[in-house]
């Protein structure tokens, strides 16, 4: 009671804690029951998997199975190892949910289960592989966006972020960003709201283009117009690769530039490791797919049974992703851990400044719904529309339209109608009716 009375009104004690450096009490404390239960369930799951693996190996020794069945079984083994690791990390974040930053951790952690399961299903259901792979790659863009939003939201609201950018400009003696290779020659962005807007647009456009191309590819595949692996200029697959590669490179360049300018401000969330893992998934899987597809088109990879060379190449790509996701799951457990938000951890000062407290599981699940992506996209559409209207009004104001001069043919028709109204053509312009009539004719009409 005495400590509560000395604390003063709400907010002042918390502010004093931050000023005195006593921010270590802000953060989560391990829920011992759930942590212990989750660990026990994890060990039980892997014990059952070991038994299952022994049975599967025995089956393959005793019986001869075809190659595609062997690949599907190997993929299933790696999926069974990778998915529980990521699901445990997601579960730990949900029961220890305290900061909106964790929703981006959770969204990135979902990448391993989504990639693993969809790649494994694509191995089994060959006819539906294009749809499964397209949905998987669309989520890849969402992961890149989530990484950017993680760094952006850590900086605070827009005025706080702009203030930090201005301090960086004052420190470096220039209010312009250092443009990175290969755009060193381009216009340097101002370290203010312009920098935030352009970097956000650079990342968000990848989400939009990736999703739009994914939907387009699915539709064209239904009409046999996508032709995956066909690099002909009259096929959509080649143009899909070109557009997607340009969009992807621009998004990652904006992400690197954002980190480069704000790396000191972002140091507590350790963004470099997070960026390297996401970049590895995006670029490594992309170039891996390109290499395997090219080998199939060059007939280095040969058909097997009823599968074409392209089918075998895509099967190899999906099997490699199943294997690689186990590596990424282990990296995620270290880099995107819920322990970052522990009391006394690297983010305690941030949580104290934001006055963050533990939230319910319902709030955690609600924050995972990607409504922020749609709202941000809608805001960009509104801003673009407003900008276009302003440009049109400015152009009309600076270049007013002069009244158009009457055309000679119209003047001649008006003159003939005034001289003899009875001979005027039926389709004469409206200006003929409005032309002044002869005074004598007006008097006769009266």
Protein backbone atom coordinates (compact mmCIF):
# COMPACT_ATOMS: atom_id res chain seq x y z
CA UNK A 1 0.00 0.00 0.00
CA UNK A 2 2.81 2.38 0.83
CA UNK A 3 4.46 1.76 -2.52
CA UNK A 4 1.17 2.47 -4.32
CA UNK A 5 0.69 5.72 -2.42
CA UNK A 6 4.24 6.84 -3.22
CA UNK A 7 3.79 6.03 -6.87
CA UNK A 8 1.53 9.04 -7.44
CA UNK A 9 -1.14 9.26 -10.11
CA UNK A 10 -1.26 6.74 -12.96
CA UNK A 11 1.35 7.42 -15.59
CA UNK A 12 3.72 9.42 -13.40
CA UNK A 13 5.15 6.37 -11.67
CA UNK A 14 5.66 4.63 -15.02
CA UNK A 15 7.35 7.72 -16.46
CA UNK A 16 9.55 7.90 -13.39
CA UNK A 17 10.50 4.24 -13.83
CA UNK A 18 11.69 4.96 -17.36
CA UNK A 19 13.61 8.08 -16.29
CA UNK A 20 15.29 6.19 -13.41
CA UNK A 21 16.18 3.34 -15.75
CA UNK A 22 13.80 1.02 -13.84
CA UNK A 23 12.10 -0.19 -17.03
CA UNK A 24 13.15 -3.80 -16.54
CA UNK A 25 9.89 -4.66 -14.79
CA UNK A 26 8.00 -4.06 -18.04
CA UNK A 27 7.58 -7.17 -20.15
CA UNK A 28 6.32 -10.71 -19.93
CA UNK A 29 7.10 -13.38 -17.34
CA UNK A 30 7.14 -17.02 -18.40
CA UNK A 31 3.86 -18.82 -17.82
CA UNK A 32 5.42 -21.86 -16.16
CA UNK A 33 2.46 -24.20 -16.65
CA UNK A 34 2.11 -23.54 -20.39
CA UNK A 35 5.85 -23.48 -21.04
CA UNK A 36 6.26 -26.81 -19.28
CA UNK A 37 3.23 -28.34 -20.96
CA UNK A 38 4.34 -27.14 -24.39
CA UNK A 39 7.83 -28.59 -23.92
CA UNK A 40 6.38 -31.92 -22.79
CA UNK A 41 4.04 -32.07 -25.77
CA UNK A 42 6.93 -31.24 -28.09
CA UNK A 43 9.05 -34.09 -26.77
CA UNK A 44 6.09 -36.49 -26.96
CA UNK A 45 5.43 -35.47 -30.56
CA UNK A 46 9.01 -36.07 -31.61
CA UNK A 47 9.07 -39.42 -29.80
CA UNK A 48 6.05 -40.53 -31.84
CA UNK A 49 7.69 -39.23 -35.00
CA UNK A 50 10.81 -41.28 -34.33
CA UNK A 51 8.69 -44.40 -34.04
CA UNK A 52 6.88 -43.48 -37.25
CA UNK A 53 10.15 -42.88 -39.09
CA UNK A 54 11.43 -46.30 -38.05
CA UNK A 55 8.26 -47.93 -39.42
CA UNK A 56 8.54 -46.00 -42.70
CA UNK A 57 12.21 -46.91 -43.18
CA UNK A 58 11.37 -50.56 -42.52
CA UNK A 59 8.60 -50.40 -45.13
CA UNK A 60 10.97 -49.00 -47.73
CA UNK A 61 13.53 -51.70 -46.99
CA UNK A 62 10.99 -54.51 -47.25
CA UNK A 63 9.10 -53.25 -50.29
CA UNK A 64 10.04 -51.47 -53.48
CA UNK A 65 8.31 -48.13 -53.89
CA UNK A 66 8.39 -45.75 -56.84
CA UNK A 67 10.58 -42.64 -56.77
CA UNK A 68 7.76 -40.12 -56.36
CA UNK A 69 6.43 -42.03 -53.34
CA UNK A 70 9.89 -41.92 -51.80
CA UNK A 71 10.14 -38.15 -52.38
CA UNK A 72 6.69 -37.59 -50.89
CA UNK A 73 7.60 -39.62 -47.80
CA UNK A 74 10.90 -37.79 -47.28
CA UNK A 75 9.09 -34.47 -47.60
CA UNK A 76 6.52 -35.61 -45.03
CA UNK A 77 9.28 -36.43 -42.55
CA UNK A 78 10.81 -32.95 -42.78
CA UNK A 79 7.39 -31.30 -42.61
CA UNK A 80 6.60 -33.30 -39.48
CA UNK A 81 9.84 -32.04 -37.89
CA UNK A 82 9.52 -28.37 -38.93
CA UNK A 83 5.84 -27.60 -38.33
CA UNK A 84 5.73 -28.44 -34.57
CA UNK A 85 8.71 -26.15 -33.93
CA UNK A 86 6.98 -23.16 -35.50
CA UNK A 87 3.60 -23.93 -33.96
CA UNK A 88 5.22 -24.02 -30.53
CA UNK A 89 6.80 -20.59 -31.15
CA UNK A 90 3.42 -19.20 -32.27
CA UNK A 91 1.76 -20.69 -29.18
CA UNK A 92 4.36 -19.07 -26.90
CA UNK A 93 3.74 -15.67 -28.48
CA UNK A 94 -0.03 -16.01 -28.11
CA UNK A 95 0.01 -16.90 -24.40
CA UNK A 96 2.68 -14.24 -23.69
CA UNK A 97 1.13 -11.54 -25.87
CA UNK A 98 1.96 -8.01 -24.70
CA UNK A 99 2.95 -5.89 -27.71
CA UNK A 100 1.43 -5.33 -31.17
CA UNK A 101 4.92 -6.00 -32.51
CA UNK A 102 4.36 -9.66 -31.73
CA UNK A 103 1.68 -9.97 -34.40
CA UNK A 104 4.43 -9.45 -36.99
CA UNK A 105 6.54 -12.09 -35.29
CA UNK A 106 3.58 -14.48 -35.50
CA UNK A 107 2.87 -13.70 -39.15
CA UNK A 108 6.48 -14.39 -40.08
CA UNK A 109 6.51 -17.60 -38.03
CA UNK A 110 3.49 -18.86 -39.98
CA UNK A 111 5.70 -18.93 -43.06
CA UNK A 112 7.24 -22.30 -42.14
CA UNK A 113 3.94 -24.21 -41.69
CA UNK A 114 2.41 -22.63 -44.81
CA UNK A 115 5.46 -23.23 -46.99
CA UNK A 116 6.01 -26.76 -45.69
CA UNK A 117 2.46 -28.02 -45.97
CA UNK A 118 1.76 -26.46 -49.37
CA UNK A 119 5.03 -27.74 -50.84
CA UNK A 120 4.30 -31.22 -49.50
CA UNK A 121 0.77 -31.15 -50.92
CA UNK A 122 2.16 -29.99 -54.28
CA UNK A 123 4.36 -33.11 -54.27
CA UNK A 124 1.31 -35.32 -53.84
CA UNK A 125 -1.24 -33.51 -56.02
CA UNK A 126 0.65 -32.78 -59.20
CA UNK A 127 -2.31 -31.37 -61.16
CA UNK A 128 -3.00 -28.71 -58.51
CA UNK A 129 0.64 -27.74 -57.90
CA UNK A 130 0.38 -24.37 -59.69
CA UNK A 131 -2.46 -23.20 -57.43
CA UNK A 132 -0.70 -24.41 -54.27
CA UNK A 133 2.64 -22.85 -55.22
CA UNK A 134 0.98 -19.58 -56.22
CA UNK A 135 -0.76 -19.23 -52.86
CA UNK A 136 2.51 -20.03 -51.11
CA UNK A 137 4.39 -17.36 -53.03
CA UNK A 138 1.68 -14.78 -52.34
CA UNK A 139 2.26 -15.28 -48.62
CA UNK A 140 5.93 -14.58 -49.22
CA UNK A 141 5.06 -10.97 -50.10
CA UNK A 142 3.05 -10.70 -46.90
CA UNK A 143 6.10 -11.83 -44.91
CA UNK A 144 8.24 -9.07 -46.46
CA UNK A 145 5.55 -6.54 -45.60
CA UNK A 146 5.33 -7.85 -42.02
CA UNK A 147 9.08 -7.41 -41.55
CA UNK A 148 8.84 -3.80 -42.71
CA UNK A 149 5.85 -3.12 -40.45
CA UNK A 150 7.74 -4.62 -37.51
CA UNK A 151 10.54 -2.08 -37.93
CA UNK A 152 8.17 0.77 -38.76
CA UNK A 153 5.87 0.27 -35.77
CA UNK A 154 8.82 -0.01 -33.42
CA UNK A 155 9.69 3.60 -34.30
CA UNK A 156 6.32 4.80 -32.97
CA UNK A 157 3.66 6.90 -34.65
CA UNK A 158 4.43 9.17 -37.58
CA UNK A 159 5.50 12.29 -35.59
CA UNK A 160 7.84 10.18 -33.45
CA UNK A 161 9.35 8.47 -36.50
CA UNK A 162 9.83 11.80 -38.31
CA UNK A 163 11.53 13.26 -35.21
CA UNK A 164 13.95 10.33 -35.15
CA UNK A 165 14.70 10.78 -38.85
CA UNK A 166 15.41 14.47 -38.31
CA UNK A 167 17.82 13.64 -35.49
CA UNK A 168 19.59 11.22 -37.81
CA UNK A 169 19.81 13.97 -40.44
CA UNK A 170 21.28 16.42 -37.95
CA UNK A 171 23.79 13.84 -36.81
CA UNK A 172 24.99 13.05 -40.33
CA UNK A 173 24.87 16.70 -41.43
CA UNK A 174 22.36 16.15 -44.22
CA UNK A 175 18.61 15.78 -44.34
CA UNK A 176 18.82 13.42 -47.32
CA UNK A 177 19.02 9.64 -47.32
CA UNK A 178 22.11 7.88 -48.63
CA UNK A 179 20.88 6.11 -51.74
CA UNK A 180 22.32 2.61 -52.06
CA UNK A 181 23.63 0.70 -55.06
CA UNK A 182 22.49 0.50 -57.83
CA UNK A 183 20.47 3.73 -57.40
CA UNK A 184 23.29 5.88 -56.03
CA UNK A 185 22.65 8.42 -58.80
CA UNK A 186 18.92 8.81 -58.14
CA UNK A 187 17.07 11.59 -56.30
CA UNK A 188 17.84 11.44 -52.58
CA UNK A 189 14.78 11.10 -50.36
CA UNK A 190 14.29 13.61 -47.58
CA UNK A 191 14.63 12.22 -44.07
CA UNK A 192 11.10 13.11 -43.04
CA UNK A 193 7.61 11.93 -43.91
CA UNK A 194 8.70 11.54 -47.53
CA UNK A 195 11.17 8.82 -46.55
CA UNK A 196 8.51 6.93 -44.58
CA UNK A 197 5.92 7.17 -47.35
CA UNK A 198 8.20 6.10 -50.18
CA UNK A 199 9.72 3.19 -48.31
CA UNK A 200 6.24 1.99 -47.28
CA UNK A 201 4.98 2.24 -50.86
CA UNK A 202 8.05 0.39 -52.12
CA UNK A 203 7.24 -2.58 -49.88
CA UNK A 204 3.46 -2.47 -50.23
CA UNK A 205 3.58 -2.50 -54.05
CA UNK A 206 5.21 -5.94 -53.85
CA UNK A 207 2.27 -7.22 -51.81
CA UNK A 208 -0.19 -5.87 -54.38
CA UNK A 209 1.71 -7.01 -57.49
CA UNK A 210 2.53 -10.43 -56.05
CA UNK A 211 -1.11 -11.04 -55.10
CA UNK A 212 -2.42 -9.74 -58.44
CA UNK A 213 0.00 -11.93 -60.40
CA UNK A 214 -0.90 -14.92 -58.25
CA UNK A 215 -4.60 -14.51 -59.06
CA UNK A 216 -3.82 -13.92 -62.74
CA UNK A 217 -1.65 -17.03 -62.92
CA UNK A 218 -4.40 -19.18 -61.39
CA UNK A 219 -6.97 -17.89 -63.89
CA UNK A 220 -4.68 -18.33 -66.89
CA UNK A 221 -3.72 -21.81 -65.75
CA UNK A 222 -7.38 -22.80 -65.91
CA UNK A 223 -7.37 -21.85 -69.61
CA UNK A 224 -3.91 -23.39 -70.28
CA UNK A 225 -2.40 -19.98 -71.00
CA UNK A 226 0.15 -19.79 -68.17
CA UNK A 227 2.51 -22.58 -69.35
CA UNK A 228 4.89 -22.68 -66.41
CA UNK A 229 8.48 -23.28 -67.56
CA UNK A 230 7.84 -21.91 -71.06
CA UNK A 231 10.05 -18.85 -71.60
CA UNK A 232 8.46 -17.86 -74.93
CA UNK A 233 7.59 -14.18 -75.31
CA UNK A 234 4.03 -15.06 -76.28
CA UNK A 235 3.43 -16.85 -72.96
CA UNK A 236 2.54 -15.16 -69.67
CA UNK A 237 5.10 -17.11 -67.65
CA UNK A 238 8.06 -15.06 -68.95
CA UNK A 239 6.35 -11.72 -68.29
CA UNK A 240 5.24 -12.94 -64.88
CA UNK A 241 8.88 -13.60 -63.98
CA UNK A 242 10.10 -10.22 -65.26
CA UNK A 243 7.41 -8.17 -63.49
CA UNK A 244 7.75 -10.16 -60.29
CA UNK A 245 11.53 -9.91 -60.20
CA UNK A 246 11.47 -6.13 -60.68
CA UNK A 247 8.83 -5.69 -57.99
CA UNK A 248 10.68 -7.97 -55.59
CA UNK A 249 14.02 -6.21 -56.09
CA UNK A 250 12.45 -2.79 -55.53
CA UNK A 251 10.74 -3.92 -52.31
CA UNK A 252 13.90 -5.43 -50.89
CA UNK A 253 15.93 -2.35 -51.90
CA UNK A 254 13.48 -0.11 -50.00
CA UNK A 255 13.70 -2.48 -47.04
CA UNK A 256 17.51 -2.33 -47.04
CA UNK A 257 17.49 1.47 -47.34
CA UNK A 258 15.05 1.75 -44.42
CA UNK A 259 17.27 -0.43 -42.26
CA UNK A 260 20.45 1.35 -43.36
CA UNK A 261 19.22 4.79 -42.29
CA UNK A 262 17.59 3.66 -39.03
CA UNK A 263 19.85 0.81 -37.94
CA UNK A 264 20.86 2.54 -34.68
CA UNK A 265 17.26 3.32 -33.73
CA UNK A 266 16.22 -0.24 -34.58
CA UNK A 267 19.09 -1.95 -32.75
CA UNK A 268 16.99 -3.29 -29.78
CA UNK A 269 14.86 -5.46 -32.07
CA UNK A 270 17.98 -6.85 -33.79
CA UNK A 271 16.64 -6.38 -37.33
CA UNK A 272 19.70 -7.61 -39.23
CA UNK A 273 19.17 -11.28 -38.36
CA UNK A 274 15.46 -11.01 -39.08
CA UNK A 275 16.13 -9.32 -42.41
CA UNK A 276 18.73 -11.91 -43.44
CA UNK A 277 16.40 -14.83 -42.71
CA UNK A 278 13.49 -13.31 -44.66
CA UNK A 279 15.77 -12.28 -47.52
CA UNK A 280 17.26 -15.79 -47.66
CA UNK A 281 13.81 -17.33 -47.99
CA UNK A 282 12.73 -14.86 -50.70
CA UNK A 283 15.88 -14.78 -52.82
CA UNK A 284 17.17 -18.30 -52.27
CA UNK A 285 13.85 -19.96 -53.06
CA UNK A 286 13.39 -17.65 -56.08
CA UNK A 287 16.75 -18.41 -57.69
CA UNK A 288 16.49 -22.05 -56.74
CA UNK A 289 13.21 -22.20 -58.65
CA UNK A 290 14.73 -20.42 -61.66
CA UNK A 291 17.70 -22.81 -61.80
CA UNK A 292 15.57 -25.94 -61.53
CA UNK A 293 13.10 -24.65 -64.14
CA UNK A 294 15.93 -23.80 -66.54
CA UNK A 295 17.46 -27.26 -66.13
CA UNK A 296 14.10 -28.77 -67.03
CA UNK A 297 13.72 -26.54 -70.12
CA UNK A 298 17.29 -27.46 -71.18
CA UNK A 299 16.31 -31.16 -70.84
CA UNK A 300 18.94 -31.76 -68.18
CA UNK A 301 16.15 -33.07 -65.95
CA UNK A 302 14.44 -35.96 -67.72
CA UNK A 303 10.87 -37.27 -67.46
CA UNK A 304 10.12 -40.03 -64.95
CA UNK A 305 7.19 -42.41 -65.43
CA UNK A 306 4.12 -40.31 -66.28
CA UNK A 307 5.76 -37.06 -65.11
CA UNK A 308 7.25 -34.60 -67.59
CA UNK A 309 10.60 -32.91 -67.08
CA UNK A 310 8.82 -29.79 -65.79
CA UNK A 311 6.83 -31.88 -63.31
CA UNK A 312 10.02 -33.50 -62.03
CA UNK A 313 11.69 -30.07 -61.71
CA UNK A 314 8.78 -28.69 -59.68
CA UNK A 315 8.82 -31.82 -57.54
CA UNK A 316 12.52 -31.28 -56.79
CA UNK A 317 11.82 -27.63 -55.92
CA UNK A 318 8.98 -28.56 -53.54
CA UNK A 319 11.04 -31.30 -51.88
CA UNK A 320 13.94 -28.89 -51.33
CA UNK A 321 11.56 -26.37 -49.73
CA UNK A 322 10.26 -29.06 -47.36
CA UNK A 323 13.84 -29.79 -46.31
CA UNK A 324 14.88 -26.13 -46.03
CA UNK A 325 11.90 -25.19 -43.87
CA UNK A 326 13.32 -27.29 -41.03
CA UNK A 327 16.44 -25.11 -41.11
CA UNK A 328 14.36 -21.93 -41.14
CA UNK A 329 12.20 -23.21 -38.27
CA UNK A 330 15.32 -23.62 -36.14
CA UNK A 331 16.50 -20.12 -37.08
CA UNK A 332 13.07 -18.64 -36.33
CA UNK A 333 13.08 -20.18 -32.87
CA UNK A 334 16.15 -18.09 -32.07
CA UNK A 335 15.50 -14.91 -34.07
CA UNK A 336 11.72 -14.48 -33.64
CA UNK A 337 11.43 -15.78 -30.09
CA UNK A 338 8.85 -14.58 -27.58
CA UNK A 339 11.76 -14.10 -25.17
CA UNK A 340 12.52 -10.76 -26.85
CA UNK A 341 9.57 -9.38 -24.89
CA UNK A 342 10.63 -10.72 -21.48
CA UNK A 343 10.90 -8.36 -18.54
CA UNK A 344 14.47 -7.09 -18.43
CA UNK A 345 15.00 -8.02 -22.08
CA UNK A 346 16.12 -5.79 -24.97
CA UNK A 347 12.62 -4.36 -25.46
CA UNK A 348 11.82 -3.50 -21.82
CA UNK A 349 12.48 0.22 -22.35
CA UNK A 350 10.24 0.22 -25.41
CA UNK A 351 7.40 -1.50 -23.53
CA UNK A 352 7.81 0.88 -20.59
CA UNK A 353 7.68 3.93 -22.86
CA UNK A 354 4.55 2.56 -24.56
CA UNK A 355 3.05 1.45 -21.21
CA UNK A 356 2.37 -2.05 -22.54
CA UNK A 357 0.77 -4.77 -20.43
CA UNK A 358 -0.11 -8.38 -21.08
CA UNK A 359 -3.13 -8.90 -23.34
CA UNK A 360 -5.62 -11.70 -23.68
CA UNK A 361 -5.43 -14.57 -26.14
CA UNK A 362 -8.45 -13.13 -27.94
CA UNK A 363 -6.56 -9.90 -28.59
CA UNK A 364 -3.56 -11.85 -29.88
CA UNK A 365 -5.68 -13.83 -32.35
CA UNK A 366 -7.53 -10.69 -33.47
CA UNK A 367 -4.27 -8.85 -34.14
CA UNK A 368 -3.11 -11.67 -36.42
CA UNK A 369 -5.91 -10.90 -38.92
CA UNK A 370 -4.29 -8.83 -41.71
CA UNK A 371 -6.81 -5.98 -41.69
CA UNK A 372 -3.95 -3.47 -41.43
CA UNK A 373 -2.72 -4.47 -44.90
CA UNK A 374 -6.10 -3.80 -46.48
CA UNK A 375 -6.56 -0.52 -44.61
CA UNK A 376 -3.13 0.69 -45.63
CA UNK A 377 -3.81 -0.24 -49.25
CA UNK A 378 -7.11 1.64 -49.16
CA UNK A 379 -5.36 4.71 -47.69
CA UNK A 380 -2.85 4.66 -50.55
CA UNK A 381 -5.70 4.55 -53.08
CA UNK A 382 -7.40 7.53 -51.41
CA UNK A 383 -4.15 9.50 -51.31
CA UNK A 384 -3.41 8.72 -54.95
CA UNK A 385 -6.90 9.82 -55.99
CA UNK A 386 -6.54 13.05 -54.01
CA UNK A 387 -3.15 13.72 -55.57
CA UNK A 388 -4.48 13.19 -59.10
CA UNK A 389 -7.40 15.55 -58.50
CA UNK A 390 -5.04 18.22 -57.12
CA UNK A 391 -2.79 17.89 -60.16
CA UNK A 392 -5.76 18.25 -62.51
CA UNK A 393 -7.03 21.37 -60.70
CA UNK A 394 -3.54 22.89 -60.67
CA UNK A 395 -3.13 22.25 -64.40
CA UNK A 396 -6.54 23.77 -65.18
CA UNK A 397 -5.69 26.82 -63.07
CA UNK A 398 -2.30 27.36 -64.73
CA UNK A 399 -3.55 26.63 -68.25
CA UNK A 400 -7.16 27.84 -68.51
CA UNK A 401 -9.05 26.73 -71.58
CA UNK A 402 -9.80 29.43 -74.15
CA UNK A 403 -13.29 29.49 -75.71
CA UNK A 404 -13.26 27.58 -78.95
CA UNK A 405 -13.66 29.69 -82.12
CA UNK A 406 -16.68 28.86 -84.34
CA UNK A 407 -15.83 26.61 -87.25
CA UNK A 408 -16.28 28.03 -90.81
CA UNK A 409 -18.81 25.37 -91.74
CA UNK A 410 -20.97 26.28 -88.75
CA UNK A 411 -20.83 29.99 -89.59
CA UNK A 412 -21.87 29.29 -93.20
CA UNK A 413 -24.81 27.15 -92.04
CA UNK A 414 -25.94 29.87 -89.63
CA UNK A 415 -25.79 32.49 -92.37
CA UNK A 416 -27.87 30.37 -94.76
CA UNK A 417 -30.45 29.69 -92.08
CA UNK A 418 -30.73 33.39 -91.31
CA UNK A 419 -31.19 34.23 -94.99
CA UNK A 420 -33.82 31.58 -95.72
CA UNK A 421 -35.10 29.59 -92.70
CA UNK A 422 -37.21 27.32 -94.89
CA UNK A 423 -34.07 25.97 -96.60
CA UNK A 424 -32.23 25.24 -93.36
CA UNK A 425 -31.28 21.55 -93.05
CA UNK A 426 -33.02 19.43 -90.42
CA UNK A 427 -29.76 18.60 -88.70
CA UNK A 428 -28.51 22.19 -88.51
CA UNK A 429 -26.65 23.01 -85.32
CA UNK A 430 -28.47 24.48 -82.36
CA UNK A 431 -26.63 27.75 -82.97
CA UNK A 432 -28.70 28.24 -86.13
CA UNK A 433 -31.90 28.40 -84.13
CA UNK A 434 -30.34 30.93 -81.82
CA UNK A 435 -29.11 33.13 -84.74
CA UNK A 436 -30.75 36.58 -85.09
CA UNK A 437 -33.56 36.54 -87.66
CA UNK A 438 -34.36 39.22 -90.26
CA UNK A 439 -36.41 42.11 -88.77
CA UNK A 440 -38.90 41.91 -91.64
CA UNK A 441 -39.47 38.26 -91.00
CA UNK A 442 -40.03 38.89 -87.29
CA UNK A 443 -42.65 41.56 -88.13
CA UNK A 444 -44.42 39.20 -90.56
CA UNK A 445 -44.45 36.48 -87.98
CA UNK A 446 -46.00 38.83 -85.45
